[in-house]
Amino acid sequence: MANSHRFDDDLLEKLPLPTASFFVLFALAEEEKHGYRIMQDIRELSEGTFTMGPATLYTTIKKLTDQGLISETLTTIEDRRRTYVLTSTGKRLLGAEFQRQQAVLNLARSRKLLKIGDQK
């Protein structure tokens, strides 16, 4: 069975991503960030439809770090501010999740269940 969008089985087992995990990875897609900035970016990326408090954020960060999807660095020893960055595995998983979501949207469109831009 040929598939042009093959991913490792270990990545596929992690899909679909929980919403919190998806948005943390998405927020880190372009650059490393500290926790508060991640929360701000999630609000912006979701256009306000998903917000995350500190407890959920840091629980999610811990899980993603333990899974090797993001890594943590200290900006400076004096500052003690931790920043987070996607690992190569995290980037691949985020890409796989984007493709999965696109496939779902394509299916909905093909069945005329999703009509973007239609006005009554």
N, C-alpha and C. Protein backbone atom coordinates (compact mmCIF):
# COMPACT_ATOMS: atom_id res chain seq x y z
N MET A 1 0.85 -1.17 0.00
CA MET A 1 0.00 0.00 0.00
C MET A 1 0.89 1.23 0.00
N ALA A 2 0.93 1.95 -1.09
CA ALA A 2 1.80 3.12 -1.22
C ALA A 2 1.16 4.33 -0.57
N ASN A 3 1.99 5.10 0.11
CA ASN A 3 1.53 6.32 0.76
C ASN A 3 2.63 7.35 0.62
N SER A 4 2.34 8.46 -0.05
CA SER A 4 3.36 9.47 -0.28
C SER A 4 3.65 10.30 0.97
N HIS A 5 2.84 10.15 1.99
CA HIS A 5 3.04 10.90 3.23
C HIS A 5 3.30 9.94 4.38
N ARG A 6 4.31 9.09 4.23
CA ARG A 6 4.62 8.09 5.25
C ARG A 6 5.35 8.73 6.42
N PHE A 7 5.01 8.29 7.59
CA PHE A 7 5.69 8.70 8.80
C PHE A 7 6.01 7.46 9.59
N ASP A 8 6.99 7.58 10.47
CA ASP A 8 7.33 6.46 11.34
C ASP A 8 6.12 6.07 12.17
N ASP A 9 6.01 4.77 12.45
CA ASP A 9 4.89 4.29 13.25
C ASP A 9 4.85 4.96 14.62
N ASP A 10 6.03 5.25 15.20
CA ASP A 10 6.03 5.90 16.51
C ASP A 10 5.41 7.29 16.45
N LEU A 11 5.53 7.99 15.33
CA LEU A 11 4.87 9.28 15.19
C LEU A 11 3.37 9.11 15.02
N LEU A 12 2.99 8.16 14.19
CA LEU A 12 1.56 7.94 13.93
C LEU A 12 0.81 7.55 15.19
N GLU A 13 1.48 6.85 16.10
CA GLU A 13 0.84 6.45 17.36
C GLU A 13 0.51 7.66 18.23
N LYS A 14 1.18 8.76 18.03
CA LYS A 14 0.95 9.97 18.83
C LYS A 14 -0.18 10.83 18.26
N LEU A 15 -0.70 10.46 17.09
CA LEU A 15 -1.75 11.24 16.45
C LEU A 15 -3.12 10.65 16.74
N PRO A 16 -4.14 11.46 16.85
CA PRO A 16 -4.11 12.92 16.80
C PRO A 16 -3.53 13.49 18.10
N LEU A 17 -2.90 14.62 17.97
CA LEU A 17 -2.33 15.29 19.14
C LEU A 17 -3.44 15.88 20.01
N PRO A 18 -3.28 15.81 21.33
CA PRO A 18 -4.21 16.56 22.19
C PRO A 18 -4.11 18.05 21.84
N THR A 19 -5.20 18.77 22.02
CA THR A 19 -5.24 20.18 21.64
C THR A 19 -4.12 20.99 22.29
N ALA A 20 -3.89 20.79 23.57
CA ALA A 20 -2.84 21.55 24.27
C ALA A 20 -1.47 21.25 23.67
N SER A 21 -1.18 19.99 23.40
CA SER A 21 0.11 19.62 22.81
C SER A 21 0.27 20.22 21.42
N PHE A 22 -0.79 20.14 20.62
CA PHE A 22 -0.75 20.70 19.28
C PHE A 22 -0.39 22.18 19.31
N PHE A 23 -1.08 22.95 20.15
CA PHE A 23 -0.85 24.38 20.16
C PHE A 23 0.51 24.76 20.74
N VAL A 24 1.04 24.00 21.70
CA VAL A 24 2.39 24.29 22.20
C VAL A 24 3.41 24.05 21.08
N LEU A 25 3.29 22.92 20.39
CA LEU A 25 4.21 22.65 19.27
C LEU A 25 4.06 23.72 18.18
N PHE A 26 2.84 24.08 17.87
CA PHE A 26 2.57 25.09 16.85
C PHE A 26 3.19 26.43 17.24
N ALA A 27 3.05 26.81 18.51
CA ALA A 27 3.61 28.08 18.98
C ALA A 27 5.13 28.10 18.89
N LEU A 28 5.76 26.93 18.99
CA LEU A 28 7.22 26.84 18.94
C LEU A 28 7.76 26.58 17.53
N ALA A 29 6.89 26.53 16.54
CA ALA A 29 7.30 26.14 15.19
C ALA A 29 8.33 27.08 14.57
N GLU A 30 8.26 28.36 14.88
CA GLU A 30 9.15 29.32 14.22
C GLU A 30 10.39 29.68 15.03
N GLU A 31 10.28 29.65 16.36
CA GLU A 31 11.43 30.04 17.18
C GLU A 31 11.23 29.58 18.62
N GLU A 32 12.32 29.59 19.38
CA GLU A 32 12.21 29.24 20.79
C GLU A 32 11.52 30.36 21.55
N LYS A 33 10.80 29.97 22.61
CA LYS A 33 10.02 30.95 23.37
C LYS A 33 9.97 30.54 24.84
N HIS A 34 9.68 31.51 25.69
CA HIS A 34 9.46 31.22 27.10
C HIS A 34 7.96 30.98 27.32
N GLY A 35 7.62 30.47 28.50
CA GLY A 35 6.25 30.04 28.77
C GLY A 35 5.18 31.08 28.54
N TYR A 36 5.38 32.28 29.07
CA TYR A 36 4.35 33.31 28.92
C TYR A 36 4.13 33.65 27.45
N ARG A 37 5.19 33.71 26.68
CA ARG A 37 5.07 34.00 25.24
C ARG A 37 4.34 32.87 24.53
N ILE A 38 4.57 31.62 24.94
CA ILE A 38 3.85 30.49 24.35
C ILE A 38 2.35 30.67 24.59
N MET A 39 1.97 31.02 25.83
CA MET A 39 0.54 31.22 26.13
C MET A 39 -0.05 32.33 25.27
N GLN A 40 0.67 33.43 25.11
CA GLN A 40 0.18 34.54 24.27
C GLN A 40 0.02 34.09 22.82
N ASP A 41 1.01 33.37 22.31
CA ASP A 41 0.97 32.92 20.92
C ASP A 41 -0.16 31.92 20.68
N ILE A 42 -0.42 31.08 21.66
CA ILE A 42 -1.52 30.12 21.51
C ILE A 42 -2.85 30.86 21.37
N ARG A 43 -3.04 31.87 22.19
CA ARG A 43 -4.27 32.67 22.09
C ARG A 43 -4.38 33.29 20.69
N GLU A 44 -3.26 33.80 20.18
CA GLU A 44 -3.25 34.42 18.85
C GLU A 44 -3.45 33.38 17.74
N LEU A 45 -2.71 32.27 17.80
CA LEU A 45 -2.82 31.24 16.76
C LEU A 45 -4.22 30.65 16.68
N SER A 46 -4.88 30.53 17.83
CA SER A 46 -6.23 29.95 17.85
C SER A 46 -7.31 31.00 17.65
N GLU A 47 -6.89 32.24 17.42
CA GLU A 47 -7.82 33.36 17.27
C GLU A 47 -8.76 33.45 18.47
N GLY A 48 -8.20 33.18 19.66
CA GLY A 48 -8.96 33.29 20.90
C GLY A 48 -9.86 32.13 21.22
N THR A 49 -9.88 31.10 20.39
CA THR A 49 -10.77 29.96 20.65
C THR A 49 -10.19 28.97 21.64
N PHE A 50 -8.90 29.07 21.93
CA PHE A 50 -8.26 28.17 22.88
C PHE A 50 -7.28 28.97 23.71
N THR A 51 -7.44 28.92 25.01
CA THR A 51 -6.50 29.57 25.91
C THR A 51 -5.97 28.53 26.88
N MET A 52 -4.80 28.80 27.39
CA MET A 52 -4.14 27.84 28.26
C MET A 52 -3.56 28.59 29.45
N GLY A 53 -3.88 28.12 30.64
CA GLY A 53 -3.30 28.70 31.85
C GLY A 53 -1.95 28.08 32.15
N PRO A 54 -1.25 28.63 33.13
CA PRO A 54 0.10 28.14 33.46
C PRO A 54 0.14 26.66 33.84
N ALA A 55 -0.82 26.18 34.61
CA ALA A 55 -0.79 24.77 35.04
C ALA A 55 -0.86 23.83 33.85
N THR A 56 -1.79 24.08 32.94
CA THR A 56 -1.91 23.24 31.74
C THR A 56 -0.68 23.38 30.87
N LEU A 57 -0.19 24.60 30.71
CA LEU A 57 0.98 24.83 29.88
C LEU A 57 2.18 24.03 30.38
N TYR A 58 2.50 24.16 31.66
CA TYR A 58 3.71 23.52 32.16
C TYR A 58 3.57 22.01 32.30
N THR A 59 2.35 21.52 32.51
CA THR A 59 2.11 20.07 32.47
C THR A 59 2.35 19.56 31.05
N THR A 60 1.84 20.29 30.06
CA THR A 60 2.02 19.91 28.66
C THR A 60 3.49 20.00 28.26
N ILE A 61 4.17 21.05 28.68
CA ILE A 61 5.60 21.20 28.38
C ILE A 61 6.39 20.02 28.95
N LYS A 62 6.07 19.62 30.17
CA LYS A 62 6.76 18.48 30.80
C LYS A 62 6.56 17.22 29.97
N LYS A 63 5.32 16.96 29.55
CA LYS A 63 5.02 15.77 28.74
C LYS A 63 5.77 15.81 27.41
N LEU A 64 5.75 16.96 26.75
CA LEU A 64 6.41 17.09 25.45
C LEU A 64 7.92 16.96 25.58
N THR A 65 8.47 17.47 26.67
CA THR A 65 9.91 17.33 26.94
C THR A 65 10.26 15.87 27.19
N ASP A 66 9.45 15.20 28.02
CA ASP A 66 9.68 13.78 28.31
C ASP A 66 9.60 12.92 27.05
N GLN A 67 8.77 13.32 26.09
CA GLN A 67 8.61 12.58 24.84
C GLN A 67 9.68 12.95 23.81
N GLY A 68 10.53 13.90 24.13
CA GLY A 68 11.59 14.32 23.21
C GLY A 68 11.10 15.19 22.07
N LEU A 69 9.95 15.84 22.25
CA LEU A 69 9.37 16.67 21.19
C LEU A 69 9.79 18.13 21.30
N ILE A 70 10.12 18.56 22.51
CA ILE A 70 10.68 19.89 22.73
C ILE A 70 11.85 19.75 23.70
N SER A 71 12.70 20.76 23.72
CA SER A 71 13.79 20.77 24.70
C SER A 71 13.80 22.13 25.38
N GLU A 72 14.40 22.15 26.55
CA GLU A 72 14.42 23.34 27.40
C GLU A 72 15.83 23.89 27.50
N THR A 73 15.93 25.22 27.49
CA THR A 73 17.23 25.87 27.69
C THR A 73 17.04 27.04 28.64
N LEU A 74 18.11 27.43 29.31
CA LEU A 74 18.09 28.64 30.12
C LEU A 74 18.63 29.78 29.27
N THR A 75 17.93 30.93 29.28
CA THR A 75 18.41 32.05 28.48
C THR A 75 19.72 32.58 29.04
N THR A 76 19.76 32.83 30.33
CA THR A 76 21.00 33.19 31.02
C THR A 76 20.93 32.64 32.43
N ILE A 77 22.06 32.44 33.05
CA ILE A 77 22.07 31.94 34.42
C ILE A 77 21.44 32.96 35.36
N GLU A 78 21.70 34.25 35.14
CA GLU A 78 21.14 35.28 36.00
C GLU A 78 19.62 35.39 35.82
N ASP A 79 19.18 35.29 34.60
CA ASP A 79 17.76 35.44 34.28
C ASP A 79 16.94 34.25 34.78
N ARG A 80 17.48 33.08 34.65
CA ARG A 80 16.82 31.83 35.02
C ARG A 80 15.51 31.60 34.26
N ARG A 81 15.31 32.31 33.20
CA ARG A 81 14.11 32.11 32.39
C ARG A 81 14.35 30.94 31.45
N ARG A 82 13.43 30.02 31.48
CA ARG A 82 13.55 28.86 30.60
C ARG A 82 12.87 29.17 29.28
N THR A 83 13.52 28.75 28.22
CA THR A 83 12.89 28.84 26.91
C THR A 83 12.79 27.42 26.36
N TYR A 84 11.89 27.27 25.41
CA TYR A 84 11.61 25.95 24.85
C TYR A 84 11.72 26.02 23.34
N VAL A 85 12.17 24.92 22.76
CA VAL A 85 12.37 24.85 21.31
C VAL A 85 11.94 23.47 20.83
N LEU A 86 11.42 23.41 19.61
CA LEU A 86 11.05 22.12 19.01
C LEU A 86 12.31 21.31 18.70
N THR A 87 12.24 20.02 18.93
CA THR A 87 13.29 19.12 18.47
C THR A 87 12.96 18.71 17.04
N SER A 88 13.86 18.02 16.39
CA SER A 88 13.57 17.56 15.03
C SER A 88 12.39 16.59 15.03
N THR A 89 12.28 15.77 16.06
CA THR A 89 11.13 14.86 16.17
C THR A 89 9.85 15.66 16.36
N GLY A 90 9.91 16.71 17.17
CA GLY A 90 8.74 17.57 17.37
C GLY A 90 8.29 18.23 16.09
N LYS A 91 9.25 18.67 15.28
CA LYS A 91 8.91 19.27 13.98
C LYS A 91 8.24 18.26 13.07
N ARG A 92 8.76 17.04 13.04
CA ARG A 92 8.17 16.00 12.19
C ARG A 92 6.76 15.65 12.66
N LEU A 93 6.57 15.57 13.97
CA LEU A 93 5.25 15.25 14.50
C LEU A 93 4.26 16.37 14.20
N LEU A 94 4.67 17.61 14.35
CA LEU A 94 3.79 18.73 14.03
C LEU A 94 3.41 18.70 12.55
N GLY A 95 4.37 18.41 11.68
CA GLY A 95 4.08 18.28 10.25
C GLY A 95 3.09 17.17 9.97
N ALA A 96 3.24 16.05 10.67
CA ALA A 96 2.31 14.92 10.49
C ALA A 96 0.92 15.31 10.96
N GLU A 97 0.83 16.06 12.05
CA GLU A 97 -0.47 16.50 12.54
C GLU A 97 -1.12 17.49 11.58
N PHE A 98 -0.35 18.40 11.00
CA PHE A 98 -0.91 19.31 9.99
C PHE A 98 -1.45 18.51 8.81
N GLN A 99 -0.72 17.51 8.36
CA GLN A 99 -1.18 16.68 7.23
C GLN A 99 -2.45 15.91 7.60
N ARG A 100 -2.51 15.41 8.82
CA ARG A 100 -3.70 14.68 9.28
C ARG A 100 -4.91 15.62 9.28
N GLN A 101 -4.73 16.83 9.82
CA GLN A 101 -5.83 17.78 9.85
C GLN A 101 -6.26 18.19 8.44
N GLN A 102 -5.29 18.36 7.55
CA GLN A 102 -5.61 18.71 6.16
C GLN A 102 -6.42 17.60 5.50
N ALA A 103 -6.07 16.35 5.76
CA ALA A 103 -6.80 15.22 5.19
C ALA A 103 -8.25 15.21 5.69
N VAL A 104 -8.46 15.53 6.96
CA VAL A 104 -9.81 15.59 7.51
C VAL A 104 -10.60 16.71 6.84
N LEU A 105 -9.98 17.88 6.69
CA LEU A 105 -10.65 18.99 6.02
C LEU A 105 -10.98 18.66 4.56
N ASN A 106 -10.05 18.02 3.88
CA ASN A 106 -10.30 17.63 2.48
C ASN A 106 -11.47 16.66 2.39
N LEU A 107 -11.54 15.72 3.31
CA LEU A 107 -12.65 14.76 3.33
C LEU A 107 -13.97 15.48 3.56
N ALA A 108 -13.99 16.40 4.52
CA ALA A 108 -15.22 17.15 4.80
C ALA A 108 -15.65 17.97 3.59
N ARG A 109 -14.68 18.58 2.91
CA ARG A 109 -15.01 19.36 1.71
C ARG A 109 -15.53 18.45 0.60
N SER A 110 -14.89 17.30 0.41
CA SER A 110 -15.31 16.40 -0.67
C SER A 110 -16.73 15.87 -0.45
N ARG A 111 -17.14 15.81 0.79
CA ARG A 111 -18.50 15.36 1.11
C ARG A 111 -19.46 16.53 1.29
N LYS A 112 -18.96 17.71 0.94
CA LYS A 112 -19.75 18.94 1.02
C LYS A 112 -20.28 19.20 2.43
N LEU A 113 -19.49 18.82 3.42
CA LEU A 113 -19.84 19.06 4.81
C LEU A 113 -19.24 20.37 5.31
N LEU A 114 -18.27 20.88 4.59
CA LEU A 114 -17.58 22.10 4.98
C LEU A 114 -17.54 23.02 3.78
N LYS A 115 -18.20 24.14 3.90
CA LYS A 115 -18.24 25.09 2.79
C LYS A 115 -17.69 26.41 3.30
N ILE A 116 -16.41 26.64 3.02
CA ILE A 116 -15.76 27.86 3.47
C ILE A 116 -16.11 29.00 2.52
N GLY A 117 -16.51 30.12 3.08
CA GLY A 117 -16.77 31.31 2.28
C GLY A 117 -18.18 31.39 1.71
N ASP A 118 -19.02 30.39 1.99
CA ASP A 118 -20.39 30.46 1.49
C ASP A 118 -21.17 31.51 2.26
N GLN A 119 -21.94 32.28 1.54
CA GLN A 119 -22.79 33.28 2.18
C GLN A 119 -24.22 32.98 1.81
N LYS A 120 -25.10 33.22 2.76
CA LYS A 120 -26.53 32.96 2.51
C LYS A 120 -27.22 34.18 1.99
